[in-house]
């Protein structure tokens, strides 16, 4: 059963990755409204629909590139994180972002455009007044060194509770292998489901490795 579950998870993850890579993202502009008081995107869209009509538009939003790297230098990220998201489709079939972005450092909220890929099959696993649980995020490597990290983070969000920390530890180890040093990480859980993995890393080791490689190239 474990091998079957892992194979299904791999196929599901690869299918969603290929779907995202093949799609053309669009930029959804923010629609500022009163009442976005820190609940989920699903709650926000529902409230706007109640007031103005329209419908839910499910899909995937580019949440971040990771890990968040603490350095003044330009260090390329390892992966992008696409989260299950919903925006508002108005009566004229236009899409609007009705959920403000939360800053992970100072916890402030601000209105910003969203890079979005519409997907009618990306409905939330649970969507009620009490609980909203999106589908697991899809992590996509943006350079070869990020392949292992992206795979491990995808598995962490799809794993059973007893294996979630194992996959997270493997992801952190794979980041260390690139010369980056994870310094902080945060996860969000909805019941027994792991959602929203955010990792901060220091680039000192990466910068030292890059400097050594540059010196060796000059010899």
N, C-alpha and C. Protein backbone atom coordinates (compact mmCIF):
# COMPACT_ATOMS: atom_id res chain seq x y z
N UNK A 1 0.83 -1.21 0.00
CA UNK A 1 0.00 0.00 0.00
C UNK A 1 0.86 1.25 0.00
N UNK A 2 1.95 1.26 0.79
CA UNK A 2 2.82 2.43 0.84
C UNK A 2 3.43 2.73 -0.52
N UNK A 3 3.90 1.69 -1.20
CA UNK A 3 4.50 1.89 -2.53
C UNK A 3 3.46 2.39 -3.51
N UNK A 4 2.22 1.85 -3.43
CA UNK A 4 1.16 2.30 -4.31
C UNK A 4 0.83 3.77 -4.07
N UNK A 5 0.78 4.17 -2.78
CA UNK A 5 0.48 5.57 -2.45
C UNK A 5 1.58 6.49 -2.98
N UNK A 6 2.85 6.07 -2.83
CA UNK A 6 3.96 6.89 -3.30
C UNK A 6 3.92 7.03 -4.82
N UNK A 7 3.61 5.93 -5.50
CA UNK A 7 3.52 5.99 -6.96
C UNK A 7 2.39 6.91 -7.39
N UNK A 8 1.24 6.83 -6.72
CA UNK A 8 0.13 7.72 -7.05
C UNK A 8 0.52 9.17 -6.79
N UNK A 9 1.20 9.41 -5.66
CA UNK A 9 1.61 10.78 -5.34
C UNK A 9 2.57 11.32 -6.38
N UNK A 10 3.50 10.48 -6.86
CA UNK A 10 4.45 10.91 -7.88
C UNK A 10 3.73 11.25 -9.17
N UNK A 11 2.78 10.39 -9.59
CA UNK A 11 2.05 10.65 -10.83
C UNK A 11 1.21 11.92 -10.72
N UNK A 12 0.55 12.09 -9.57
CA UNK A 12 -0.28 13.27 -9.37
C UNK A 12 0.56 14.52 -9.38
N UNK A 13 1.72 14.49 -8.70
CA UNK A 13 2.61 15.65 -8.64
C UNK A 13 3.15 15.98 -10.02
N UNK A 14 3.61 14.97 -10.78
CA UNK A 14 4.17 15.21 -12.11
C UNK A 14 3.10 15.75 -13.05
N UNK A 15 1.88 15.22 -12.93
CA UNK A 15 0.80 15.70 -13.80
C UNK A 15 0.51 17.16 -13.53
N UNK A 16 0.44 17.55 -12.26
CA UNK A 16 0.16 18.94 -11.94
C UNK A 16 1.32 19.85 -12.35
N UNK A 17 2.54 19.38 -12.16
CA UNK A 17 3.70 20.18 -12.58
C UNK A 17 3.66 20.42 -14.09
N UNK A 18 3.43 19.36 -14.85
CA UNK A 18 3.41 19.50 -16.31
C UNK A 18 2.28 20.42 -16.74
N UNK A 19 1.18 20.36 -16.01
CA UNK A 19 0.04 21.22 -16.32
C UNK A 19 0.40 22.69 -16.08
N UNK A 20 1.10 22.96 -14.98
CA UNK A 20 1.49 24.33 -14.67
C UNK A 20 2.53 24.85 -15.66
N UNK A 21 3.50 24.00 -15.99
CA UNK A 21 4.56 24.41 -16.91
C UNK A 21 3.99 24.72 -18.29
N UNK A 22 2.99 23.94 -18.72
CA UNK A 22 2.42 24.12 -20.06
C UNK A 22 1.47 25.33 -20.12
N UNK A 23 0.96 25.75 -18.98
CA UNK A 23 -0.02 26.84 -18.97
C UNK A 23 0.66 28.20 -19.10
N UNK A 24 -0.12 29.17 -19.52
CA UNK A 24 0.35 30.55 -19.61
C UNK A 24 -0.25 31.34 -18.44
N UNK A 25 0.57 31.74 -17.46
CA UNK A 25 0.02 32.49 -16.32
C UNK A 25 -0.52 33.85 -16.75
N UNK A 26 -1.47 34.35 -16.00
CA UNK A 26 -1.99 35.68 -16.23
C UNK A 26 -1.86 36.48 -14.95
N UNK A 27 -1.77 37.78 -15.07
CA UNK A 27 -1.69 38.64 -13.90
C UNK A 27 -3.10 39.12 -13.56
N UNK A 28 -3.55 38.79 -12.35
CA UNK A 28 -4.87 39.18 -11.88
C UNK A 28 -4.71 40.40 -10.98
N UNK A 29 -5.33 41.49 -11.37
CA UNK A 29 -5.20 42.73 -10.62
C UNK A 29 -6.04 42.71 -9.35
N UNK A 30 -5.61 43.45 -8.33
CA UNK A 30 -6.36 43.47 -7.07
C UNK A 30 -7.64 44.29 -7.18
N UNK A 31 -8.67 43.85 -6.48
CA UNK A 31 -9.93 44.58 -6.33
C UNK A 31 -10.07 44.88 -4.84
N UNK A 32 -9.73 46.10 -4.47
CA UNK A 32 -9.73 46.47 -3.05
C UNK A 32 -11.16 46.67 -2.56
N UNK A 33 -11.47 46.06 -1.45
CA UNK A 33 -12.81 46.18 -0.88
C UNK A 33 -12.72 46.16 0.63
N UNK A 34 -13.72 46.66 1.27
CA UNK A 34 -13.75 46.68 2.73
C UNK A 34 -14.27 45.35 3.26
N UNK A 35 -13.57 44.80 4.23
CA UNK A 35 -14.05 43.57 4.85
C UNK A 35 -13.11 42.39 4.73
N UNK A 36 -11.98 42.58 4.05
CA UNK A 36 -10.99 41.50 3.95
C UNK A 36 -10.20 41.45 5.24
N UNK A 37 -10.74 40.75 6.22
CA UNK A 37 -10.21 40.82 7.58
C UNK A 37 -9.40 39.59 7.97
N UNK A 38 -8.58 39.09 7.06
CA UNK A 38 -7.64 38.04 7.45
C UNK A 38 -8.14 36.63 7.32
N UNK A 39 -9.32 36.42 6.71
CA UNK A 39 -9.76 35.05 6.49
C UNK A 39 -9.16 34.53 5.19
N UNK A 40 -9.62 33.39 4.72
CA UNK A 40 -9.02 32.77 3.55
C UNK A 40 -9.54 33.39 2.27
N UNK A 41 -8.84 33.09 1.16
CA UNK A 41 -9.28 33.60 -0.13
C UNK A 41 -10.68 33.12 -0.47
N UNK A 42 -11.03 31.90 -0.09
CA UNK A 42 -12.37 31.37 -0.37
C UNK A 42 -13.44 32.19 0.33
N UNK A 43 -13.20 32.54 1.61
CA UNK A 43 -14.16 33.36 2.34
C UNK A 43 -14.29 34.74 1.71
N UNK A 44 -13.16 35.32 1.28
CA UNK A 44 -13.19 36.64 0.67
C UNK A 44 -13.99 36.62 -0.62
N UNK A 45 -13.73 35.65 -1.48
CA UNK A 45 -14.46 35.58 -2.75
C UNK A 45 -15.95 35.37 -2.50
N UNK A 46 -16.28 34.53 -1.56
CA UNK A 46 -17.70 34.30 -1.29
C UNK A 46 -18.41 35.58 -0.85
N UNK A 47 -17.75 36.38 0.00
CA UNK A 47 -18.35 37.62 0.46
C UNK A 47 -18.54 38.61 -0.68
N UNK A 48 -17.57 38.68 -1.58
CA UNK A 48 -17.69 39.58 -2.72
C UNK A 48 -18.81 39.11 -3.65
N UNK A 49 -18.93 37.80 -3.85
CA UNK A 49 -20.01 37.26 -4.68
C UNK A 49 -21.37 37.62 -4.07
N UNK A 50 -21.48 37.48 -2.76
CA UNK A 50 -22.75 37.82 -2.10
C UNK A 50 -23.13 39.28 -2.31
N UNK A 51 -22.12 40.14 -2.37
CA UNK A 51 -22.38 41.58 -2.51
C UNK A 51 -22.50 42.02 -3.97
N UNK A 52 -21.76 41.38 -4.88
CA UNK A 52 -21.66 41.90 -6.25
C UNK A 52 -21.96 40.87 -7.33
N UNK A 53 -22.27 39.63 -6.96
CA UNK A 53 -22.49 38.61 -7.97
C UNK A 53 -21.18 38.02 -8.46
N UNK A 54 -21.26 37.29 -9.56
CA UNK A 54 -20.05 36.66 -10.09
C UNK A 54 -19.89 35.24 -9.61
N UNK A 55 -18.67 34.74 -9.65
CA UNK A 55 -18.44 33.32 -9.34
C UNK A 55 -17.01 33.11 -8.84
N UNK A 56 -16.76 31.91 -8.32
CA UNK A 56 -15.41 31.49 -7.92
C UNK A 56 -14.60 31.14 -9.17
N UNK A 57 -13.32 31.47 -9.17
CA UNK A 57 -12.41 31.05 -10.23
C UNK A 57 -11.21 30.38 -9.56
N UNK A 58 -11.19 29.05 -9.61
CA UNK A 58 -10.14 28.29 -8.93
C UNK A 58 -8.91 28.14 -9.82
N UNK A 59 -7.77 27.92 -9.18
CA UNK A 59 -6.55 27.71 -9.93
C UNK A 59 -5.34 27.68 -9.02
N UNK A 60 -4.21 28.16 -9.55
CA UNK A 60 -2.93 28.11 -8.84
C UNK A 60 -2.28 29.48 -8.91
N UNK A 61 -1.81 29.96 -7.77
CA UNK A 61 -1.17 31.27 -7.68
C UNK A 61 0.30 31.09 -7.33
N UNK A 62 1.14 31.89 -7.96
CA UNK A 62 2.56 31.88 -7.62
C UNK A 62 2.73 32.59 -6.28
N UNK A 63 3.01 31.80 -5.26
CA UNK A 63 3.09 32.36 -3.90
C UNK A 63 4.46 32.94 -3.60
N UNK A 64 5.50 32.24 -4.02
CA UNK A 64 6.85 32.71 -3.69
C UNK A 64 7.88 31.88 -4.44
N UNK A 65 9.12 32.38 -4.43
CA UNK A 65 10.28 31.60 -4.81
C UNK A 65 11.02 31.25 -3.53
N UNK A 66 11.64 30.09 -3.49
CA UNK A 66 12.25 29.69 -2.24
C UNK A 66 13.59 28.98 -2.41
N UNK A 67 14.27 28.86 -1.27
CA UNK A 67 13.87 29.47 -0.01
C UNK A 67 14.09 30.99 -0.03
N UNK A 68 13.48 31.69 0.93
CA UNK A 68 13.76 33.11 1.11
C UNK A 68 15.20 33.23 1.58
N UNK A 69 16.03 33.93 0.82
CA UNK A 69 17.47 33.93 1.07
C UNK A 69 17.90 35.27 1.65
N UNK A 70 18.59 35.21 2.79
CA UNK A 70 19.04 36.41 3.49
C UNK A 70 20.44 36.79 3.01
N UNK A 71 20.51 37.68 2.04
CA UNK A 71 21.79 38.14 1.52
C UNK A 71 21.56 39.40 0.70
N UNK A 72 22.60 40.20 0.58
CA UNK A 72 22.53 41.39 -0.27
C UNK A 72 22.84 41.04 -1.72
N UNK A 73 23.41 39.87 -1.95
CA UNK A 73 23.74 39.44 -3.30
C UNK A 73 22.54 38.83 -3.99
N UNK A 74 22.64 38.74 -5.30
CA UNK A 74 21.59 38.11 -6.09
C UNK A 74 21.85 36.61 -6.16
N UNK A 75 21.12 35.84 -5.36
CA UNK A 75 21.27 34.38 -5.34
C UNK A 75 20.02 33.78 -5.97
N UNK A 76 20.15 33.00 -7.03
CA UNK A 76 18.97 32.45 -7.69
C UNK A 76 18.24 31.48 -6.78
N UNK A 77 16.91 31.51 -6.77
CA UNK A 77 16.13 30.59 -5.93
C UNK A 77 16.25 29.15 -6.44
N UNK A 78 15.81 28.22 -5.60
CA UNK A 78 15.84 26.81 -5.98
C UNK A 78 14.52 26.36 -6.59
N UNK A 79 13.42 26.94 -6.14
CA UNK A 79 12.11 26.45 -6.57
C UNK A 79 11.08 27.58 -6.51
N UNK A 80 9.99 27.37 -7.21
CA UNK A 80 8.83 28.23 -7.07
C UNK A 80 7.71 27.44 -6.39
N UNK A 81 6.88 28.15 -5.66
CA UNK A 81 5.77 27.50 -4.92
C UNK A 81 4.45 28.02 -5.46
N UNK A 82 3.66 27.11 -6.03
CA UNK A 82 2.34 27.43 -6.57
C UNK A 82 1.28 26.88 -5.62
N UNK A 83 0.45 27.77 -5.10
CA UNK A 83 -0.55 27.35 -4.11
C UNK A 83 -1.94 27.34 -4.72
N UNK A 84 -2.75 26.43 -4.25
CA UNK A 84 -4.16 26.35 -4.64
C UNK A 84 -4.86 27.62 -4.18
N UNK A 85 -5.51 28.31 -5.11
CA UNK A 85 -6.03 29.65 -4.81
C UNK A 85 -7.35 29.85 -5.54
N UNK A 86 -8.11 30.83 -5.08
CA UNK A 86 -9.36 31.18 -5.76
C UNK A 86 -9.46 32.69 -5.84
N UNK A 87 -9.85 33.19 -7.01
CA UNK A 87 -10.06 34.62 -7.21
C UNK A 87 -11.52 34.82 -7.63
N UNK A 88 -11.91 36.08 -7.73
CA UNK A 88 -13.29 36.40 -8.07
C UNK A 88 -13.44 36.61 -9.58
N UNK A 89 -14.43 35.95 -10.18
CA UNK A 89 -14.81 36.17 -11.58
C UNK A 89 -16.08 37.02 -11.59
N UNK A 90 -15.98 38.23 -12.12
CA UNK A 90 -17.14 39.12 -12.08
C UNK A 90 -18.13 38.78 -13.19
N UNK A 91 -19.22 39.53 -13.26
CA UNK A 91 -20.29 39.23 -14.22
C UNK A 91 -19.84 39.42 -15.66
N UNK A 92 -18.75 40.14 -15.89
CA UNK A 92 -18.21 40.34 -17.23
C UNK A 92 -17.09 39.36 -17.56
N UNK A 93 -16.93 38.33 -16.72
CA UNK A 93 -15.94 37.27 -16.90
C UNK A 93 -14.50 37.76 -16.69
N UNK A 94 -14.34 38.86 -15.95
CA UNK A 94 -13.01 39.35 -15.60
C UNK A 94 -12.61 38.78 -14.25
N UNK A 95 -11.31 38.51 -14.10
CA UNK A 95 -10.80 37.96 -12.84
C UNK A 95 -10.21 39.09 -12.00
N UNK A 96 -10.45 38.98 -10.67
CA UNK A 96 -9.95 39.97 -9.72
C UNK A 96 -9.41 39.28 -8.47
N UNK A 97 -8.31 39.81 -7.96
CA UNK A 97 -7.75 39.33 -6.70
C UNK A 97 -8.42 40.10 -5.56
N UNK A 98 -9.13 39.39 -4.71
CA UNK A 98 -9.86 40.05 -3.62
C UNK A 98 -9.28 39.68 -2.25
N UNK A 99 -8.08 39.10 -2.25
CA UNK A 99 -7.42 38.73 -1.00
C UNK A 99 -6.08 39.46 -0.90
N UNK A 100 -5.88 40.26 0.13
CA UNK A 100 -4.59 40.94 0.28
C UNK A 100 -3.48 39.96 0.62
N UNK A 101 -2.24 40.33 0.27
CA UNK A 101 -1.08 39.48 0.53
C UNK A 101 -0.56 39.75 1.93
N UNK A 102 -0.24 38.66 2.65
CA UNK A 102 0.31 38.78 4.00
C UNK A 102 1.83 38.70 3.93
N UNK A 103 2.51 39.71 4.46
CA UNK A 103 3.96 39.71 4.52
C UNK A 103 4.42 38.75 5.62
N UNK A 104 5.29 37.78 5.26
CA UNK A 104 5.70 36.76 6.22
C UNK A 104 6.63 37.31 7.30
N UNK A 105 7.26 38.45 7.05
CA UNK A 105 8.19 39.01 8.03
C UNK A 105 7.50 39.88 9.07
N UNK A 106 6.67 40.83 8.62
CA UNK A 106 6.05 41.75 9.59
C UNK A 106 4.56 41.55 9.76
N UNK A 107 3.99 40.54 9.04
CA UNK A 107 2.58 40.16 9.17
C UNK A 107 1.61 41.26 8.70
N UNK A 108 2.10 42.26 7.98
CA UNK A 108 1.20 43.26 7.42
C UNK A 108 0.53 42.70 6.17
N UNK A 109 -0.53 43.36 5.74
CA UNK A 109 -1.26 42.94 4.55
C UNK A 109 -1.30 44.09 3.55
N UNK A 110 -1.15 43.76 2.28
CA UNK A 110 -1.20 44.79 1.25
C UNK A 110 -1.81 44.19 -0.02
N UNK A 111 -2.38 45.07 -0.83
CA UNK A 111 -3.02 44.64 -2.08
C UNK A 111 -1.98 44.58 -3.19
N UNK A 112 -1.93 43.44 -3.87
CA UNK A 112 -0.95 43.25 -4.94
C UNK A 112 -1.55 42.38 -6.04
N UNK A 113 -1.06 42.52 -7.28
CA UNK A 113 -1.49 41.61 -8.35
C UNK A 113 -1.04 40.19 -8.04
N UNK A 114 -1.73 39.22 -8.64
CA UNK A 114 -1.41 37.81 -8.44
C UNK A 114 -1.12 37.14 -9.78
N UNK A 115 -0.01 36.41 -9.83
CA UNK A 115 0.28 35.59 -11.01
C UNK A 115 -0.51 34.30 -10.87
N UNK A 116 -1.42 34.05 -11.81
CA UNK A 116 -2.47 33.04 -11.61
C UNK A 116 -2.64 32.17 -12.84
N UNK A 117 -2.86 30.87 -12.60
CA UNK A 117 -3.20 29.92 -13.66
C UNK A 117 -4.55 29.33 -13.32
N UNK A 118 -5.55 29.61 -14.14
CA UNK A 118 -6.89 29.09 -13.90
C UNK A 118 -6.93 27.58 -14.12
N UNK A 119 -7.69 26.88 -13.27
CA UNK A 119 -7.79 25.42 -13.35
C UNK A 119 -9.10 25.01 -12.69
N UNK A 120 -10.08 24.65 -13.49
CA UNK A 120 -11.39 24.29 -12.97
C UNK A 120 -11.35 23.07 -12.05
N UNK A 121 -10.29 22.26 -12.17
CA UNK A 121 -10.17 21.06 -11.32
C UNK A 121 -9.49 21.36 -9.99
N UNK A 122 -9.10 22.60 -9.76
CA UNK A 122 -8.35 22.94 -8.55
C UNK A 122 -9.26 23.43 -7.43
N UNK A 123 -10.41 22.81 -7.27
CA UNK A 123 -11.29 23.17 -6.17
C UNK A 123 -10.68 22.73 -4.84
N UNK A 124 -10.98 23.47 -3.79
CA UNK A 124 -10.42 23.16 -2.48
C UNK A 124 -10.92 21.80 -2.00
N UNK A 125 -10.09 21.11 -1.21
CA UNK A 125 -10.50 19.83 -0.65
C UNK A 125 -11.63 20.02 0.35
N UNK A 126 -11.55 21.09 1.14
CA UNK A 126 -12.60 21.44 2.10
C UNK A 126 -12.84 22.93 1.99
N UNK A 127 -14.10 23.36 1.92
CA UNK A 127 -14.41 24.78 1.87
C UNK A 127 -15.74 25.00 2.60
N UNK A 128 -15.65 25.37 3.88
CA UNK A 128 -16.83 25.64 4.69
C UNK A 128 -16.58 26.90 5.50
N UNK A 129 -17.59 27.37 6.19
CA UNK A 129 -17.43 28.54 7.05
C UNK A 129 -16.36 28.30 8.10
N UNK A 130 -16.28 27.07 8.61
CA UNK A 130 -15.36 26.77 9.70
C UNK A 130 -13.95 26.45 9.21
N UNK A 131 -13.83 25.73 8.10
CA UNK A 131 -12.52 25.24 7.66
C UNK A 131 -12.37 25.34 6.15
N UNK A 132 -11.21 25.80 5.74
CA UNK A 132 -10.84 25.76 4.32
C UNK A 132 -9.51 25.03 4.20
N UNK A 133 -9.48 24.02 3.36
CA UNK A 133 -8.24 23.27 3.14
C UNK A 133 -8.00 23.18 1.63
N UNK A 134 -7.03 23.93 1.11
CA UNK A 134 -6.73 23.84 -0.32
C UNK A 134 -6.04 22.54 -0.65
N UNK A 135 -5.91 22.26 -1.93
CA UNK A 135 -5.10 21.13 -2.37
C UNK A 135 -3.63 21.41 -2.05
N UNK A 136 -2.81 20.38 -1.96
CA UNK A 136 -1.38 20.60 -1.68
C UNK A 136 -0.74 21.51 -2.71
N UNK A 137 0.22 22.31 -2.27
CA UNK A 137 0.95 23.18 -3.18
C UNK A 137 1.80 22.35 -4.14
N UNK A 138 2.15 22.96 -5.26
CA UNK A 138 3.04 22.33 -6.22
C UNK A 138 4.34 23.12 -6.24
N UNK A 139 5.45 22.45 -5.95
CA UNK A 139 6.77 23.07 -5.94
C UNK A 139 7.48 22.69 -7.23
N UNK A 140 7.98 23.69 -7.95
CA UNK A 140 8.61 23.47 -9.25
C UNK A 140 10.04 24.00 -9.20
N UNK A 141 11.01 23.15 -9.51
CA UNK A 141 12.41 23.57 -9.52
C UNK A 141 12.63 24.63 -10.59
N UNK A 142 13.39 25.67 -10.25
CA UNK A 142 13.71 26.71 -11.23
C UNK A 142 15.16 26.59 -11.72
N UNK A 143 15.91 25.68 -11.12
CA UNK A 143 17.25 25.33 -11.61
C UNK A 143 17.53 23.89 -11.16
N UNK A 144 18.45 23.20 -11.83
CA UNK A 144 18.66 21.78 -11.53
C UNK A 144 18.93 21.48 -10.06
N UNK A 145 19.65 22.36 -9.37
CA UNK A 145 19.97 22.12 -7.96
C UNK A 145 18.73 22.09 -7.08
N UNK A 146 17.62 22.59 -7.59
CA UNK A 146 16.40 22.63 -6.79
C UNK A 146 15.47 21.46 -6.99
N UNK A 147 15.82 20.53 -7.87
CA UNK A 147 14.93 19.41 -8.17
C UNK A 147 14.59 18.59 -6.93
N UNK A 148 15.62 18.22 -6.17
CA UNK A 148 15.40 17.38 -4.99
C UNK A 148 14.56 18.11 -3.95
N UNK A 149 14.86 19.38 -3.73
CA UNK A 149 14.10 20.16 -2.75
C UNK A 149 12.64 20.25 -3.15
N UNK A 150 12.38 20.54 -4.42
CA UNK A 150 11.00 20.64 -4.90
C UNK A 150 10.27 19.32 -4.73
N UNK A 151 10.94 18.20 -5.04
CA UNK A 151 10.32 16.88 -4.88
C UNK A 151 9.97 16.62 -3.42
N UNK A 152 10.90 16.91 -2.51
CA UNK A 152 10.67 16.63 -1.09
C UNK A 152 9.55 17.49 -0.52
N UNK A 153 9.48 18.75 -0.92
CA UNK A 153 8.43 19.62 -0.42
C UNK A 153 7.06 19.19 -0.95
N UNK A 154 7.02 18.76 -2.21
CA UNK A 154 5.77 18.22 -2.75
C UNK A 154 5.32 17.00 -1.95
N UNK A 155 6.27 16.12 -1.65
CA UNK A 155 5.92 14.92 -0.88
C UNK A 155 5.47 15.28 0.54
N UNK A 156 6.11 16.27 1.15
CA UNK A 156 5.76 16.66 2.53
C UNK A 156 4.30 17.08 2.63
N UNK A 157 3.82 17.81 1.62
CA UNK A 157 2.43 18.28 1.68
C UNK A 157 1.43 17.18 1.34
N UNK A 158 1.91 16.06 0.82
CA UNK A 158 1.02 14.96 0.45
C UNK A 158 1.17 13.75 1.36
N UNK A 159 2.10 13.81 2.29
CA UNK A 159 2.42 12.64 3.12
C UNK A 159 1.43 12.48 4.27
N UNK A 160 1.39 11.27 4.80
CA UNK A 160 0.62 11.02 6.01
C UNK A 160 1.31 11.72 7.18
N UNK A 161 0.59 12.00 8.28
CA UNK A 161 1.16 12.79 9.38
C UNK A 161 2.49 12.26 9.90
N UNK A 162 2.65 10.93 9.96
CA UNK A 162 3.88 10.37 10.52
C UNK A 162 5.08 10.54 9.59
N UNK A 163 4.86 10.88 8.32
CA UNK A 163 5.97 11.04 7.37
C UNK A 163 6.23 12.49 6.98
N UNK A 164 5.40 13.41 7.44
CA UNK A 164 5.55 14.81 7.03
C UNK A 164 6.90 15.40 7.45
N UNK A 165 7.28 15.18 8.71
CA UNK A 165 8.55 15.73 9.20
C UNK A 165 9.74 15.10 8.48
N UNK A 166 9.62 13.83 8.12
CA UNK A 166 10.70 13.15 7.39
C UNK A 166 10.96 13.85 6.06
N UNK A 167 9.90 14.13 5.30
CA UNK A 167 10.06 14.78 4.02
C UNK A 167 10.54 16.21 4.17
N UNK A 168 10.08 16.89 5.22
CA UNK A 168 10.56 18.25 5.46
C UNK A 168 12.05 18.25 5.79
N UNK A 169 12.48 17.29 6.60
CA UNK A 169 13.92 17.19 6.93
C UNK A 169 14.75 16.91 5.68
N UNK A 170 14.24 16.07 4.80
CA UNK A 170 14.96 15.78 3.56
C UNK A 170 15.05 17.03 2.70
N UNK A 171 13.99 17.82 2.67
CA UNK A 171 14.03 19.07 1.91
C UNK A 171 15.08 20.02 2.47
N UNK A 172 15.15 20.13 3.79
CA UNK A 172 16.14 21.00 4.42
C UNK A 172 17.56 20.51 4.13
N UNK A 173 17.75 19.20 4.18
CA UNK A 173 19.08 18.63 3.87
C UNK A 173 19.46 18.94 2.42
N UNK A 174 18.51 18.85 1.51
CA UNK A 174 18.82 19.10 0.10
C UNK A 174 19.17 20.57 -0.12
N UNK A 175 18.58 21.46 0.66
CA UNK A 175 18.94 22.88 0.58
C UNK A 175 20.38 23.07 1.06
N UNK A 176 20.73 22.40 2.17
CA UNK A 176 22.10 22.51 2.70
C UNK A 176 23.12 22.03 1.67
N UNK A 177 22.77 21.01 0.88
CA UNK A 177 23.70 20.48 -0.11
C UNK A 177 24.03 21.50 -1.20
N UNK A 178 23.20 22.51 -1.37
CA UNK A 178 23.48 23.55 -2.37
C UNK A 178 24.38 24.65 -1.82
N UNK A 179 24.71 24.58 -0.53
CA UNK A 179 25.52 25.61 0.11
C UNK A 179 24.71 26.61 0.90
N UNK A 180 23.38 26.58 0.76
CA UNK A 180 22.52 27.44 1.56
C UNK A 180 22.27 26.79 2.92
N UNK A 181 22.06 27.60 3.94
CA UNK A 181 21.86 27.08 5.29
C UNK A 181 20.49 27.51 5.81
N UNK A 182 19.53 26.58 5.89
CA UNK A 182 18.22 26.94 6.43
C UNK A 182 18.34 27.45 7.86
N UNK A 183 17.76 28.59 8.15
CA UNK A 183 17.83 29.19 9.48
C UNK A 183 16.48 29.21 10.18
N UNK A 184 15.40 29.15 9.41
CA UNK A 184 14.07 29.22 9.99
C UNK A 184 13.07 28.64 9.00
N UNK A 185 12.05 28.01 9.50
CA UNK A 185 11.00 27.51 8.63
C UNK A 185 9.69 27.47 9.39
N UNK A 186 8.63 27.60 8.63
CA UNK A 186 7.29 27.62 9.21
C UNK A 186 6.36 26.78 8.37
N UNK A 187 5.52 26.01 9.01
CA UNK A 187 4.53 25.22 8.29
C UNK A 187 3.14 25.53 8.85
N UNK A 188 2.15 25.33 8.02
CA UNK A 188 0.76 25.49 8.44
C UNK A 188 0.07 24.15 8.31
N UNK A 189 -0.71 23.79 9.31
CA UNK A 189 -1.45 22.53 9.26
C UNK A 189 -2.95 22.80 9.34
N UNK A 190 -3.68 22.07 8.51
CA UNK A 190 -5.14 22.09 8.54
C UNK A 190 -5.57 20.69 8.92
N UNK A 191 -5.94 20.52 10.19
CA UNK A 191 -6.19 19.17 10.68
C UNK A 191 -4.88 18.39 10.64
N UNK A 192 -4.89 17.24 9.99
CA UNK A 192 -3.67 16.43 9.85
C UNK A 192 -2.93 16.72 8.55
N UNK A 193 -3.43 17.64 7.77
CA UNK A 193 -2.80 17.98 6.49
C UNK A 193 -1.75 19.05 6.68
N UNK A 194 -0.63 18.89 6.00
CA UNK A 194 0.43 19.89 6.02
C UNK A 194 0.27 20.79 4.80
N UNK A 195 0.20 22.09 5.05
CA UNK A 195 0.06 23.06 3.97
C UNK A 195 0.98 24.25 4.23
N UNK A 196 1.48 24.85 3.17
CA UNK A 196 2.19 26.12 3.26
C UNK A 196 3.52 26.00 4.01
N UNK A 197 4.56 25.56 3.31
CA UNK A 197 5.90 25.43 3.88
C UNK A 197 6.73 26.62 3.44
N UNK A 198 7.21 27.39 4.39
CA UNK A 198 7.98 28.60 4.11
C UNK A 198 9.33 28.47 4.78
N UNK A 199 10.42 28.59 4.00
CA UNK A 199 11.78 28.34 4.50
C UNK A 199 12.65 29.57 4.25
N UNK A 200 13.42 29.95 5.28
CA UNK A 200 14.39 31.04 5.18
C UNK A 200 15.78 30.42 5.26
N UNK A 201 16.70 30.91 4.43
CA UNK A 201 18.06 30.35 4.42
C UNK A 201 19.10 31.46 4.37
N UNK A 202 20.26 31.17 4.97
CA UNK A 202 21.41 32.07 4.91
C UNK A 202 22.30 31.64 3.75
N UNK A 203 22.86 32.61 3.03
CA UNK A 203 23.62 32.30 1.82
C UNK A 203 25.12 32.27 2.03
N UNK A 204 25.59 32.34 3.28
CA UNK A 204 27.04 32.42 3.51
C UNK A 204 27.78 31.24 2.88
N UNK A 205 27.30 30.03 3.09
CA UNK A 205 27.96 28.86 2.53
C UNK A 205 27.92 28.85 1.01
N UNK A 206 26.79 29.28 0.44
CA UNK A 206 26.65 29.34 -1.02
C UNK A 206 27.63 30.35 -1.61
N UNK A 207 27.75 31.52 -0.95
CA UNK A 207 28.65 32.55 -1.45
C UNK A 207 30.11 32.09 -1.38
N UNK A 208 30.45 31.37 -0.30
CA UNK A 208 31.82 30.84 -0.19
C UNK A 208 32.10 29.82 -1.28
N UNK A 209 31.11 28.97 -1.57
CA UNK A 209 31.28 27.97 -2.62
C UNK A 209 31.44 28.64 -3.99
N UNK A 210 30.65 29.68 -4.24
CA UNK A 210 30.73 30.39 -5.51
C UNK A 210 32.10 31.08 -5.66
N UNK A 211 32.60 31.66 -4.56
CA UNK A 211 33.90 32.32 -4.59
C UNK A 211 35.01 31.33 -4.88
N UNK A 212 34.92 30.14 -4.25
CA UNK A 212 35.93 29.10 -4.49
C UNK A 212 35.89 28.64 -5.94
N UNK A 213 34.69 28.47 -6.48
CA UNK A 213 34.56 28.04 -7.87
C UNK A 213 35.14 29.08 -8.82
N UNK A 214 34.93 30.36 -8.50
CA UNK A 214 35.48 31.43 -9.34
C UNK A 214 36.99 31.44 -9.30
N UNK A 215 37.55 31.22 -8.11
CA UNK A 215 39.01 31.19 -7.96
C UNK A 215 39.62 30.00 -8.72
N UNK A 216 38.94 28.87 -8.63
CA UNK A 216 39.45 27.69 -9.33
C UNK A 216 39.41 27.89 -10.84
N UNK A 217 38.41 28.62 -11.32
CA UNK A 217 38.28 28.86 -12.75
C UNK A 217 39.40 29.76 -13.27
N UNK A 218 39.98 30.55 -12.37
CA UNK A 218 41.04 31.47 -12.78
C UNK A 218 42.43 30.82 -12.76
N UNK A 219 42.51 29.62 -12.19
CA UNK A 219 43.82 28.95 -12.07
C UNK A 219 44.20 28.33 -13.43
